[in-house]
N, C-alpha and C. Protein backbone atom coordinates (compact mmCIF):
# COMPACT_ATOMS: atom_id res chain seq x y z
N MET A 1 -25.14 54.25 -5.60
CA MET A 1 -24.81 53.34 -4.46
C MET A 1 -25.63 52.27 -4.05
N LEU A 2 -27.14 52.80 -4.55
CA LEU A 2 -27.74 51.46 -3.89
C LEU A 2 -27.40 50.56 -5.15
N ILE A 3 -26.94 50.56 -6.63
CA ILE A 3 -26.55 49.40 -7.21
C ILE A 3 -25.56 48.93 -6.51
N ASP A 4 -24.18 49.27 -5.91
CA ASP A 4 -23.43 48.66 -5.28
C ASP A 4 -23.79 47.71 -4.19
N LYS A 5 -24.57 48.71 -3.97
CA LYS A 5 -25.06 46.90 -2.26
C LYS A 5 -25.89 45.87 -2.93
N THR A 6 -26.77 46.35 -4.17
CA THR A 6 -27.32 45.18 -5.15
C THR A 6 -26.25 44.31 -4.84
N ILE A 7 -25.18 44.44 -5.92
CA ILE A 7 -24.28 44.01 -6.28
C ILE A 7 -23.70 42.95 -5.34
N SER A 8 -23.24 43.60 -4.19
CA SER A 8 -22.61 42.62 -3.31
C SER A 8 -23.36 42.32 -2.68
N TYR A 9 -25.08 42.12 -2.43
CA TYR A 9 -25.74 41.25 -1.93
C TYR A 9 -26.13 40.39 -2.61
N LEU A 10 -25.92 40.16 -4.09
CA LEU A 10 -25.91 39.47 -5.22
C LEU A 10 -24.43 38.47 -5.00
N PHE A 11 -23.44 38.74 -5.00
CA PHE A 11 -22.29 38.00 -5.00
C PHE A 11 -22.78 37.11 -3.46
N THR A 12 -22.45 38.03 -2.48
CA THR A 12 -22.33 37.23 -1.14
C THR A 12 -24.06 35.83 -0.93
N GLY A 13 -25.10 36.39 -1.44
CA GLY A 13 -25.83 35.36 -1.57
C GLY A 13 -25.72 34.35 -2.76
N THR A 14 -24.45 34.18 -3.61
CA THR A 14 -23.99 33.46 -4.87
C THR A 14 -23.28 32.50 -4.03
N ARG A 15 -22.63 32.87 -3.31
CA ARG A 15 -20.97 32.60 -2.24
C ARG A 15 -22.49 31.17 -1.18
N TYR A 16 -23.32 31.88 -0.73
CA TYR A 16 -23.57 31.07 0.55
C TYR A 16 -24.49 29.33 -0.22
N LEU A 17 -25.40 29.99 -1.38
CA LEU A 17 -26.03 29.22 -2.45
C LEU A 17 -24.97 28.03 -2.36
N VAL A 18 -23.73 28.12 -3.01
CA VAL A 18 -22.98 27.15 -3.43
C VAL A 18 -22.31 26.90 -2.18
N TRP A 19 -22.02 27.14 -1.38
CA TRP A 19 -22.10 26.63 -0.46
C TRP A 19 -23.08 25.51 0.63
N GLY A 20 -24.05 25.97 0.21
CA GLY A 20 -24.83 25.26 0.72
C GLY A 20 -25.17 23.97 -0.87
N MET A 21 -24.75 24.07 -1.78
CA MET A 21 -25.10 23.27 -2.80
C MET A 21 -23.89 21.96 -2.82
N ALA A 22 -22.05 22.38 -2.68
CA ALA A 22 -21.22 22.07 -1.82
C ALA A 22 -21.91 20.73 -0.98
N LEU A 23 -22.26 21.47 0.15
CA LEU A 23 -22.32 20.50 1.54
C LEU A 23 -23.50 19.34 0.80
N ILE A 24 -24.30 20.12 -0.02
CA ILE A 24 -25.70 18.76 -0.58
C ILE A 24 -24.65 17.48 -1.57
N GLY A 25 -23.78 18.11 -1.84
CA GLY A 25 -22.99 17.49 -2.82
C GLY A 25 -21.58 16.33 -2.35
N ILE A 26 -21.24 16.90 -1.06
CA ILE A 26 -20.76 15.99 -0.44
C ILE A 26 -21.84 14.55 0.16
N ILE A 27 -22.96 14.59 0.80
CA ILE A 27 -23.98 13.09 0.40
C ILE A 27 -24.14 12.26 -0.67
N GLY A 28 -24.24 13.53 -1.86
CA GLY A 28 -24.69 13.01 -3.14
C GLY A 28 -23.31 12.09 -4.04
N SER A 29 -21.76 12.83 -3.65
CA SER A 29 -21.20 12.05 -4.16
C SER A 29 -21.12 10.80 -3.39
N VAL A 30 -21.23 10.69 -2.26
CA VAL A 30 -20.83 9.32 -1.07
C VAL A 30 -22.07 8.22 -1.66
N ILE A 31 -23.20 8.72 -1.80
CA ILE A 31 -24.17 7.57 -2.76
C ILE A 31 -23.75 7.28 -4.27
N LEU A 32 -23.85 8.70 -5.11
CA LEU A 32 -23.51 8.17 -6.21
C LEU A 32 -22.00 7.39 -6.34
N PHE A 33 -21.21 7.74 -5.71
CA PHE A 33 -19.58 6.33 -5.47
C PHE A 33 -20.38 4.83 -5.03
N TRP A 34 -21.18 4.87 -4.07
CA TRP A 34 -21.85 3.41 -4.17
C TRP A 34 -22.15 3.00 -5.35
N VAL A 35 -23.19 3.93 -5.77
CA VAL A 35 -23.99 3.26 -6.70
C VAL A 35 -23.22 3.23 -8.47
N ASN A 36 -22.83 3.67 -8.36
CA ASN A 36 -21.64 3.57 -9.75
C ASN A 36 -20.70 2.61 -10.05
N LEU A 37 -20.39 1.83 -8.35
CA LEU A 37 -19.21 0.91 -8.54
C LEU A 37 -18.86 -0.41 -9.45
N PRO A 38 -20.69 -0.90 -9.46
CA PRO A 38 -20.54 -1.75 -10.40
C PRO A 38 -20.42 -1.53 -11.69
N LEU A 39 -20.40 -0.29 -12.10
CA LEU A 39 -19.89 0.15 -13.56
C LEU A 39 -18.86 0.24 -13.86
N GLY A 40 -17.63 -0.33 -12.74
CA GLY A 40 -16.30 0.09 -12.79
C GLY A 40 -15.52 1.01 -11.98
N LEU A 41 -14.53 0.66 -11.83
CA LEU A 41 -13.59 1.47 -11.12
C LEU A 41 -13.52 2.70 -11.72
N LEU A 42 -13.51 3.35 -12.38
CA LEU A 42 -13.05 5.01 -13.29
C LEU A 42 -14.75 5.64 -13.27
N SER A 43 -15.53 4.57 -12.96
CA SER A 43 -16.75 4.97 -12.78
C SER A 43 -17.07 6.27 -11.36
N ALA A 44 -16.47 4.91 -10.11
CA ALA A 44 -16.56 5.77 -8.82
C ALA A 44 -15.43 6.40 -8.53
N THR A 45 -14.66 6.26 -9.23
CA THR A 45 -13.25 7.37 -9.13
C THR A 45 -14.01 8.60 -9.23
N THR A 46 -14.77 8.88 -10.59
CA THR A 46 -15.14 9.92 -10.54
C THR A 46 -15.83 11.16 -9.16
N PHE A 47 -16.77 9.56 -8.75
CA PHE A 47 -17.06 10.66 -7.40
C PHE A 47 -16.28 10.28 -6.56
N VAL A 48 -15.34 9.76 -6.27
CA VAL A 48 -14.34 10.57 -5.21
C VAL A 48 -13.73 11.98 -5.57
N ALA A 49 -13.36 11.99 -7.18
CA ALA A 49 -13.20 13.54 -7.48
C ALA A 49 -14.37 14.59 -7.07
N SER A 50 -15.35 13.78 -7.09
CA SER A 50 -16.33 14.80 -7.03
C SER A 50 -16.77 15.21 -5.60
N LEU A 51 -16.36 14.41 -4.77
CA LEU A 51 -16.07 13.94 -3.24
C LEU A 51 -15.56 15.38 -2.68
N ALA A 52 -14.11 15.11 -3.41
CA ALA A 52 -12.99 16.41 -3.32
C ALA A 52 -13.12 17.53 -3.52
N LEU A 53 -14.03 18.04 -4.68
CA LEU A 53 -14.92 19.84 -4.98
C LEU A 53 -15.50 19.93 -4.08
N ALA A 54 -16.48 18.65 -3.98
CA ALA A 54 -17.42 19.30 -2.69
C ALA A 54 -16.64 19.72 -1.21
N ILE A 55 -15.92 18.83 -1.11
CA ILE A 55 -15.41 19.20 0.61
C ILE A 55 -14.47 20.51 0.04
N SER A 56 -13.34 20.58 -0.67
CA SER A 56 -12.74 22.14 -1.14
C SER A 56 -13.81 23.54 -1.14
N LEU A 57 -14.71 22.89 -2.17
CA LEU A 57 -15.66 24.30 -1.91
C LEU A 57 -16.85 24.69 -0.52
N SER A 58 -16.60 23.64 0.25
CA SER A 58 -17.47 23.68 1.10
C SER A 58 -16.59 24.12 2.13
N LEU A 59 -15.29 23.97 2.23
CA LEU A 59 -14.67 24.98 3.59
C LEU A 59 -13.99 26.07 2.31
N LEU A 60 -13.19 26.58 1.40
CA LEU A 60 -13.07 27.35 0.75
C LEU A 60 -14.86 28.69 1.31
N LEU A 61 -15.70 28.21 0.92
CA LEU A 61 -16.61 29.05 0.96
C LEU A 61 -17.89 29.11 2.21
N ALA A 62 -17.22 28.71 3.33
CA ALA A 62 -17.55 28.59 4.51
C ALA A 62 -17.85 30.14 5.53
N PRO A 63 -18.93 30.24 5.80
CA PRO A 63 -19.34 31.46 6.08
C PRO A 63 -18.24 31.71 8.16
N ARG A 64 -18.84 32.73 7.96
CA ARG A 64 -18.37 33.52 9.15
C ARG A 64 -18.52 32.78 10.32
N ILE A 65 -19.89 32.13 10.21
CA ILE A 65 -20.17 31.59 11.73
C ILE A 65 -19.41 29.96 11.95
N LEU A 66 -18.52 30.06 10.99
CA LEU A 66 -18.09 28.47 11.25
C LEU A 66 -16.68 28.37 12.07
N THR A 67 -16.08 30.49 11.39
CA THR A 67 -14.65 30.81 11.92
C THR A 67 -14.31 30.11 13.38
N PRO A 68 -14.88 30.06 14.30
CA PRO A 68 -14.31 29.57 15.17
C PRO A 68 -13.63 28.25 15.72
N TRP A 69 -14.22 27.73 14.30
CA TRP A 69 -14.09 25.90 14.64
C TRP A 69 -12.89 25.64 13.76
N LEU A 70 -13.14 26.55 12.25
CA LEU A 70 -11.87 26.44 11.51
C LEU A 70 -11.52 27.75 10.54
N SER A 71 -9.90 28.29 11.16
CA SER A 71 -9.72 28.99 11.18
C SER A 71 -9.78 29.40 9.66
N ILE A 72 -9.01 30.51 8.93
CA ILE A 72 -8.39 30.86 7.16
C ILE A 72 -7.73 29.96 7.21
N THR A 73 -6.46 29.70 7.60
CA THR A 73 -5.23 28.56 7.73
C THR A 73 -5.93 27.41 7.21
N ASN A 74 -6.59 27.05 8.14
CA ASN A 74 -7.15 25.57 8.46
C ASN A 74 -7.46 25.50 7.21
N ARG A 75 -8.86 26.24 6.52
CA ARG A 75 -9.21 26.15 5.68
C ARG A 75 -8.66 26.20 4.66
N LEU A 76 -8.01 27.02 4.49
CA LEU A 76 -6.96 26.78 2.65
C LEU A 76 -5.93 26.00 2.57
N THR A 77 -5.80 25.39 3.97
CA THR A 77 -4.38 24.17 3.80
C THR A 77 -5.10 22.60 3.90
N ILE A 78 -6.53 22.71 3.87
CA ILE A 78 -7.19 21.55 3.77
C ILE A 78 -8.08 21.77 2.46
N GLY A 79 -8.78 22.69 1.80
CA GLY A 79 -9.62 23.37 0.38
C GLY A 79 -8.70 23.46 -0.45
N LEU A 80 -7.79 23.45 -0.70
CA LEU A 80 -6.77 23.78 -1.84
C LEU A 80 -6.04 22.54 -1.91
N PRO A 81 -5.48 21.51 -0.97
CA PRO A 81 -4.82 20.54 -1.56
C PRO A 81 -5.81 19.85 -2.15
N ALA A 82 -7.62 19.39 -1.38
CA ALA A 82 -8.63 18.79 -2.08
C ALA A 82 -8.76 19.27 -3.27
N LEU A 83 -8.79 20.70 -3.75
CA LEU A 83 -9.23 20.89 -4.96
C LEU A 83 -8.17 20.14 -6.30
N LEU A 84 -7.00 20.40 -5.88
CA LEU A 84 -6.10 19.94 -6.77
C LEU A 84 -6.30 18.65 -6.69
N ILE A 85 -6.42 17.78 -6.15
CA ILE A 85 -6.78 16.41 -5.72
C ILE A 85 -7.91 16.08 -6.90
N ALA A 86 -9.03 16.54 -6.65
CA ALA A 86 -10.03 16.75 -7.55
C ALA A 86 -9.76 16.82 -8.85
N LEU A 87 -9.10 17.66 -9.22
CA LEU A 87 -8.79 18.16 -10.64
C LEU A 87 -7.23 17.17 -11.21
N ALA A 88 -6.58 16.48 -10.36
CA ALA A 88 -5.34 15.88 -10.81
C ALA A 88 -6.51 14.06 -10.95
N VAL A 89 -7.25 13.89 -9.83
CA VAL A 89 -8.06 12.82 -10.50
C VAL A 89 -9.08 12.72 -11.41
N MET A 90 -9.79 13.84 -11.90
CA MET A 90 -10.39 14.01 -13.13
C MET A 90 -9.20 13.69 -14.47
N GLY A 91 -8.41 14.65 -14.36
CA GLY A 91 -7.86 14.55 -15.50
C GLY A 91 -7.31 12.80 -16.00
N MET A 92 -7.00 12.32 -14.81
CA MET A 92 -6.13 11.54 -14.97
C MET A 92 -7.37 10.06 -15.53
N ILE A 93 -8.22 10.48 -14.69
CA ILE A 93 -9.83 9.94 -15.60
C ILE A 93 -10.27 9.64 -17.33
N TYR A 94 -9.53 11.24 -17.28
CA TYR A 94 -10.04 11.52 -18.93
C TYR A 94 -8.99 11.19 -19.51
N TYR A 95 -7.57 11.12 -18.85
CA TYR A 95 -6.95 10.70 -20.04
C TYR A 95 -6.72 9.05 -20.29
N ALA A 96 -7.38 8.18 -19.07
CA ALA A 96 -7.18 6.58 -19.27
C ALA A 96 -8.06 5.94 -19.43
N GLN A 97 -9.35 7.15 -19.68
CA GLN A 97 -10.61 6.03 -20.21
C GLN A 97 -10.82 6.51 -21.51
N GLY A 98 -9.92 8.09 -22.26
CA GLY A 98 -10.01 8.97 -23.78
C GLY A 98 -11.16 9.65 -23.66
N GLY A 99 -11.34 10.02 -22.04
CA GLY A 99 -12.92 10.38 -21.99
C GLY A 99 -13.47 10.29 -21.22
N PHE A 100 -14.84 11.19 -20.61
CA PHE A 100 -15.34 10.37 -19.43
C PHE A 100 -15.74 9.42 -19.70
N PRO A 101 -16.33 8.40 -18.40
CA PRO A 101 -16.75 6.87 -18.21
C PRO A 101 -18.50 7.58 -18.36
N THR A 102 -19.08 6.31 -18.57
CA THR A 102 -20.36 5.71 -18.12
C THR A 102 -21.11 5.72 -16.80
N LEU A 103 -21.63 7.21 -16.63
CA LEU A 103 -22.65 6.80 -15.12
C LEU A 103 -23.67 6.63 -15.32
N ASN A 104 -23.75 6.33 -13.73
CA ASN A 104 -25.73 6.13 -13.18
C ASN A 104 -25.79 7.03 -12.65
N LEU A 105 -26.25 7.89 -12.86
CA LEU A 105 -27.05 9.36 -11.76
C LEU A 105 -28.32 8.90 -10.99
N LEU A 106 -28.99 8.04 -10.91
CA LEU A 106 -29.78 7.86 -10.49
C LEU A 106 -31.37 8.71 -10.99
N PHE A 107 -31.73 8.73 -12.76
CA PHE A 107 -32.49 9.41 -12.83
C PHE A 107 -32.84 9.59 -14.09
């Protein structure tokens, strides 16, 4: 039974870690959009897709403390289309460029 609790806590910790990284990803996507704008529209649009993915993950993995403000229905109706938009935008960029564009990642 101890192994079951350990695995459950590992999954819970991973969920909150990914949620926190998604919140940081929202800020990072906005910054990197403006940094990559001089490289071209496809490079900047990559971070629009990254922003949609970060918003989707932060809504889908939001902790229960946010439940009074965001019900599961609202989170799913916003999060799932944002995920599909992110996948569609990255697919179009990959197809239009013939691969992924050159990016400036500030490091």
